[in-house]
N, C-alpha and C. Protein backbone atom coordinates (compact mmCIF):
# COMPACT_ATOMS: atom_id res chain seq x y z
N MET A 1 32.94 -18.11 16.16
CA MET A 1 31.50 -17.98 16.20
C MET A 1 30.88 -19.35 15.98
N ILE A 2 30.01 -19.73 16.87
CA ILE A 2 29.34 -21.02 16.79
C ILE A 2 27.92 -20.80 16.29
N LEU A 3 27.59 -21.52 15.23
CA LEU A 3 26.23 -21.42 14.68
C LEU A 3 25.40 -22.56 15.22
N LYS A 4 24.26 -22.24 15.74
CA LYS A 4 23.36 -23.24 16.27
C LYS A 4 22.32 -23.58 15.21
N ARG A 5 22.17 -24.83 14.97
CA ARG A 5 21.18 -25.27 13.98
C ARG A 5 19.81 -25.33 14.64
N ARG A 6 18.85 -24.73 13.99
CA ARG A 6 17.49 -24.74 14.53
C ARG A 6 16.85 -26.10 14.32
N ASN A 7 16.08 -26.52 15.27
CA ASN A 7 15.38 -27.79 15.10
C ASN A 7 13.91 -27.52 14.78
N LYS A 8 13.19 -28.58 14.50
CA LYS A 8 11.79 -28.44 14.09
C LYS A 8 10.93 -27.86 15.19
N GLU A 9 11.24 -28.17 16.42
CA GLU A 9 10.45 -27.63 17.53
C GLU A 9 10.55 -26.11 17.58
N GLU A 10 11.72 -25.56 17.33
CA GLU A 10 11.89 -24.11 17.33
C GLU A 10 11.12 -23.48 16.18
N ASP A 11 11.07 -24.16 15.04
CA ASP A 11 10.31 -23.65 13.90
C ASP A 11 8.82 -23.62 14.19
N ARG A 12 8.33 -24.52 14.98
CA ARG A 12 6.91 -24.62 15.28
C ARG A 12 6.47 -23.65 16.36
N LYS A 13 7.37 -22.90 16.92
CA LYS A 13 7.04 -22.00 18.02
C LYS A 13 6.67 -20.60 17.54
N LEU A 14 6.13 -20.49 16.37
CA LEU A 14 5.65 -19.20 15.90
C LEU A 14 4.43 -18.80 16.71
N THR A 15 4.37 -17.57 17.08
CA THR A 15 3.21 -17.10 17.83
C THR A 15 2.06 -16.82 16.87
N LEU A 16 0.88 -16.70 17.43
CA LEU A 16 -0.29 -16.38 16.61
C LEU A 16 -0.09 -15.04 15.90
N GLU A 17 0.54 -14.11 16.57
CA GLU A 17 0.80 -12.79 15.96
C GLU A 17 1.73 -12.92 14.76
N GLN A 18 2.75 -13.76 14.87
CA GLN A 18 3.68 -13.95 13.76
C GLN A 18 2.99 -14.62 12.57
N VAL A 19 2.15 -15.62 12.85
CA VAL A 19 1.42 -16.30 11.78
C VAL A 19 0.45 -15.33 11.10
N THR A 20 -0.22 -14.51 11.90
CA THR A 20 -1.16 -13.52 11.36
C THR A 20 -0.43 -12.54 10.45
N LYS A 21 0.77 -12.11 10.86
CA LYS A 21 1.56 -11.17 10.05
C LYS A 21 1.95 -11.83 8.73
N LYS A 22 2.37 -13.08 8.77
CA LYS A 22 2.76 -13.78 7.54
C LYS A 22 1.57 -13.92 6.59
N LEU A 23 0.40 -14.23 7.14
CA LEU A 23 -0.79 -14.34 6.30
C LEU A 23 -1.17 -12.99 5.69
N ALA A 24 -0.96 -11.91 6.43
CA ALA A 24 -1.25 -10.58 5.91
C ALA A 24 -0.29 -10.18 4.80
N ASP A 25 0.91 -10.77 4.81
CA ASP A 25 1.91 -10.46 3.78
C ASP A 25 1.64 -11.15 2.45
N LEU A 26 0.74 -12.12 2.44
CA LEU A 26 0.43 -12.83 1.20
C LEU A 26 -0.21 -11.87 0.20
N ARG A 27 0.10 -12.04 -1.05
CA ARG A 27 -0.47 -11.22 -2.12
C ARG A 27 -1.44 -12.08 -2.92
N ILE A 28 -2.54 -11.48 -3.32
CA ILE A 28 -3.52 -12.18 -4.14
C ILE A 28 -2.91 -12.41 -5.52
N PRO A 29 -3.13 -13.58 -6.11
CA PRO A 29 -2.60 -13.83 -7.46
C PRO A 29 -3.01 -12.74 -8.44
N LEU A 30 -2.09 -12.37 -9.29
CA LEU A 30 -2.32 -11.27 -10.24
C LEU A 30 -3.51 -11.48 -11.15
N SER A 31 -3.70 -12.70 -11.57
CA SER A 31 -4.77 -12.95 -12.54
C SER A 31 -6.15 -12.63 -11.98
N MET A 32 -6.27 -12.50 -10.67
CA MET A 32 -7.57 -12.25 -10.07
C MET A 32 -7.88 -10.77 -9.91
N VAL A 33 -6.87 -9.90 -9.87
CA VAL A 33 -7.13 -8.50 -9.53
C VAL A 33 -6.44 -7.47 -10.42
N VAL A 34 -5.86 -7.89 -11.49
CA VAL A 34 -5.05 -6.97 -12.30
C VAL A 34 -5.91 -6.10 -13.20
N THR A 35 -5.59 -4.83 -13.23
CA THR A 35 -6.19 -3.90 -14.17
C THR A 35 -5.08 -3.42 -15.09
N PRO A 36 -5.30 -3.41 -16.38
CA PRO A 36 -4.25 -2.97 -17.31
C PRO A 36 -3.81 -1.53 -17.01
N THR A 37 -2.53 -1.26 -17.22
CA THR A 37 -2.00 0.08 -16.98
C THR A 37 -2.44 1.05 -18.07
N ASN A 38 -2.78 0.53 -19.22
CA ASN A 38 -3.20 1.39 -20.34
C ASN A 38 -4.69 1.22 -20.66
N LEU A 39 -5.48 0.94 -19.68
CA LEU A 39 -6.91 0.67 -19.89
C LEU A 39 -7.64 1.84 -20.55
N LYS A 40 -7.40 3.03 -20.07
CA LYS A 40 -8.12 4.20 -20.59
C LYS A 40 -7.85 4.42 -22.08
N THR A 41 -6.58 4.41 -22.47
CA THR A 41 -6.25 4.67 -23.88
C THR A 41 -6.74 3.54 -24.79
N GLU A 42 -6.62 2.31 -24.33
CA GLU A 42 -7.08 1.18 -25.15
C GLU A 42 -8.60 1.18 -25.27
N ARG A 43 -9.27 1.57 -24.23
CA ARG A 43 -10.73 1.67 -24.27
C ARG A 43 -11.17 2.70 -25.31
N GLU A 44 -10.49 3.86 -25.31
CA GLU A 44 -10.82 4.91 -26.28
C GLU A 44 -10.59 4.43 -27.71
N LYS A 45 -9.45 3.78 -27.94
CA LYS A 45 -9.15 3.27 -29.28
C LYS A 45 -10.18 2.22 -29.72
N PHE A 46 -10.56 1.37 -28.78
CA PHE A 46 -11.51 0.30 -29.09
C PHE A 46 -12.88 0.87 -29.49
N PHE A 47 -13.39 1.82 -28.73
CA PHE A 47 -14.69 2.38 -29.01
C PHE A 47 -14.69 3.35 -30.20
N ASP A 48 -13.52 3.84 -30.60
CA ASP A 48 -13.42 4.71 -31.77
C ASP A 48 -13.28 3.93 -33.07
N SER A 49 -13.13 2.62 -32.98
CA SER A 49 -12.88 1.82 -34.17
C SER A 49 -13.82 0.60 -34.19
N ASP A 50 -14.07 0.10 -35.39
CA ASP A 50 -14.88 -1.11 -35.52
C ASP A 50 -14.02 -2.37 -35.56
N THR A 51 -12.73 -2.20 -35.77
CA THR A 51 -11.86 -3.37 -35.95
C THR A 51 -10.68 -3.43 -34.98
N TYR A 52 -10.53 -2.42 -34.14
CA TYR A 52 -9.36 -2.38 -33.26
C TYR A 52 -9.43 -3.46 -32.18
N ASN A 53 -8.30 -4.15 -31.99
CA ASN A 53 -8.18 -5.18 -30.96
C ASN A 53 -7.26 -4.63 -29.86
N PRO A 54 -7.78 -4.40 -28.67
CA PRO A 54 -6.97 -3.79 -27.60
C PRO A 54 -5.74 -4.62 -27.24
N GLN A 55 -4.66 -3.92 -26.99
CA GLN A 55 -3.41 -4.55 -26.57
C GLN A 55 -3.09 -4.03 -25.17
N PHE A 56 -3.50 -4.77 -24.18
CA PHE A 56 -3.34 -4.31 -22.80
C PHE A 56 -1.94 -4.58 -22.28
N LYS A 57 -1.49 -3.67 -21.41
CA LYS A 57 -0.19 -3.81 -20.74
C LYS A 57 -0.44 -3.90 -19.25
N TYR A 58 0.30 -4.80 -18.61
CA TYR A 58 0.12 -5.03 -17.18
C TYR A 58 1.44 -4.82 -16.44
N SER A 59 1.34 -4.34 -15.23
CA SER A 59 2.55 -4.24 -14.40
C SER A 59 2.61 -5.50 -13.54
N ILE A 60 3.80 -6.02 -13.40
CA ILE A 60 3.99 -7.25 -12.64
C ILE A 60 4.31 -6.88 -11.19
N VAL A 61 3.56 -7.49 -10.29
CA VAL A 61 3.79 -7.26 -8.87
C VAL A 61 4.54 -8.47 -8.33
N LYS A 62 5.72 -8.23 -7.79
CA LYS A 62 6.48 -9.34 -7.22
C LYS A 62 5.98 -9.60 -5.81
N ASN A 63 6.00 -10.87 -5.45
CA ASN A 63 5.58 -11.22 -4.10
C ASN A 63 6.49 -12.32 -3.55
N LYS A 64 6.34 -12.58 -2.29
CA LYS A 64 7.14 -13.60 -1.61
C LYS A 64 6.23 -14.71 -1.09
N ASN A 65 5.17 -15.00 -1.82
CA ASN A 65 4.21 -15.99 -1.36
C ASN A 65 4.84 -17.36 -1.13
N ASP A 66 5.74 -17.79 -2.01
CA ASP A 66 6.36 -19.10 -1.85
C ASP A 66 7.13 -19.20 -0.53
N ASP A 67 7.88 -18.16 -0.21
CA ASP A 67 8.64 -18.15 1.05
C ASP A 67 7.71 -18.15 2.26
N ILE A 68 6.63 -17.41 2.16
CA ILE A 68 5.67 -17.35 3.27
C ILE A 68 5.02 -18.71 3.47
N PHE A 69 4.63 -19.37 2.38
CA PHE A 69 4.02 -20.70 2.52
C PHE A 69 5.00 -21.71 3.12
N LYS A 70 6.27 -21.62 2.74
CA LYS A 70 7.27 -22.52 3.32
C LYS A 70 7.37 -22.33 4.83
N ASP A 71 7.37 -21.07 5.27
CA ASP A 71 7.42 -20.77 6.71
C ASP A 71 6.18 -21.29 7.42
N LEU A 72 5.03 -21.13 6.79
CA LEU A 72 3.78 -21.54 7.43
C LEU A 72 3.63 -23.06 7.45
N LEU A 73 4.27 -23.76 6.52
CA LEU A 73 4.21 -25.22 6.52
C LEU A 73 4.92 -25.80 7.74
N LYS A 74 5.82 -25.07 8.32
CA LYS A 74 6.56 -25.53 9.49
C LYS A 74 5.69 -25.57 10.74
N VAL A 75 4.59 -24.84 10.71
CA VAL A 75 3.73 -24.73 11.90
C VAL A 75 2.89 -25.97 12.05
C-alpha cells in the first residue's frame, strides 16, 4: 500500500460547502452561554435564606474547535 502525502494545494481546495460545514460545527465558548444544571434548586435555597451562597454546577460540553480552526487555517 502506497501512501500519498497531501500537499498544501490539496489542503486549500476545500469547497465553500465544506468550509460552511466546518464553521457550523464550531461551538460557542462555554463561558458565554452556560446555564447551571442546578439553577432551580440553588435559586430556591438562595431566596429562602439570608446568608446562603449558591454553589452552581455546570456540565462541560466538549468541542473540536481547535481541530476545526487548524483545518480552516489551511484555506
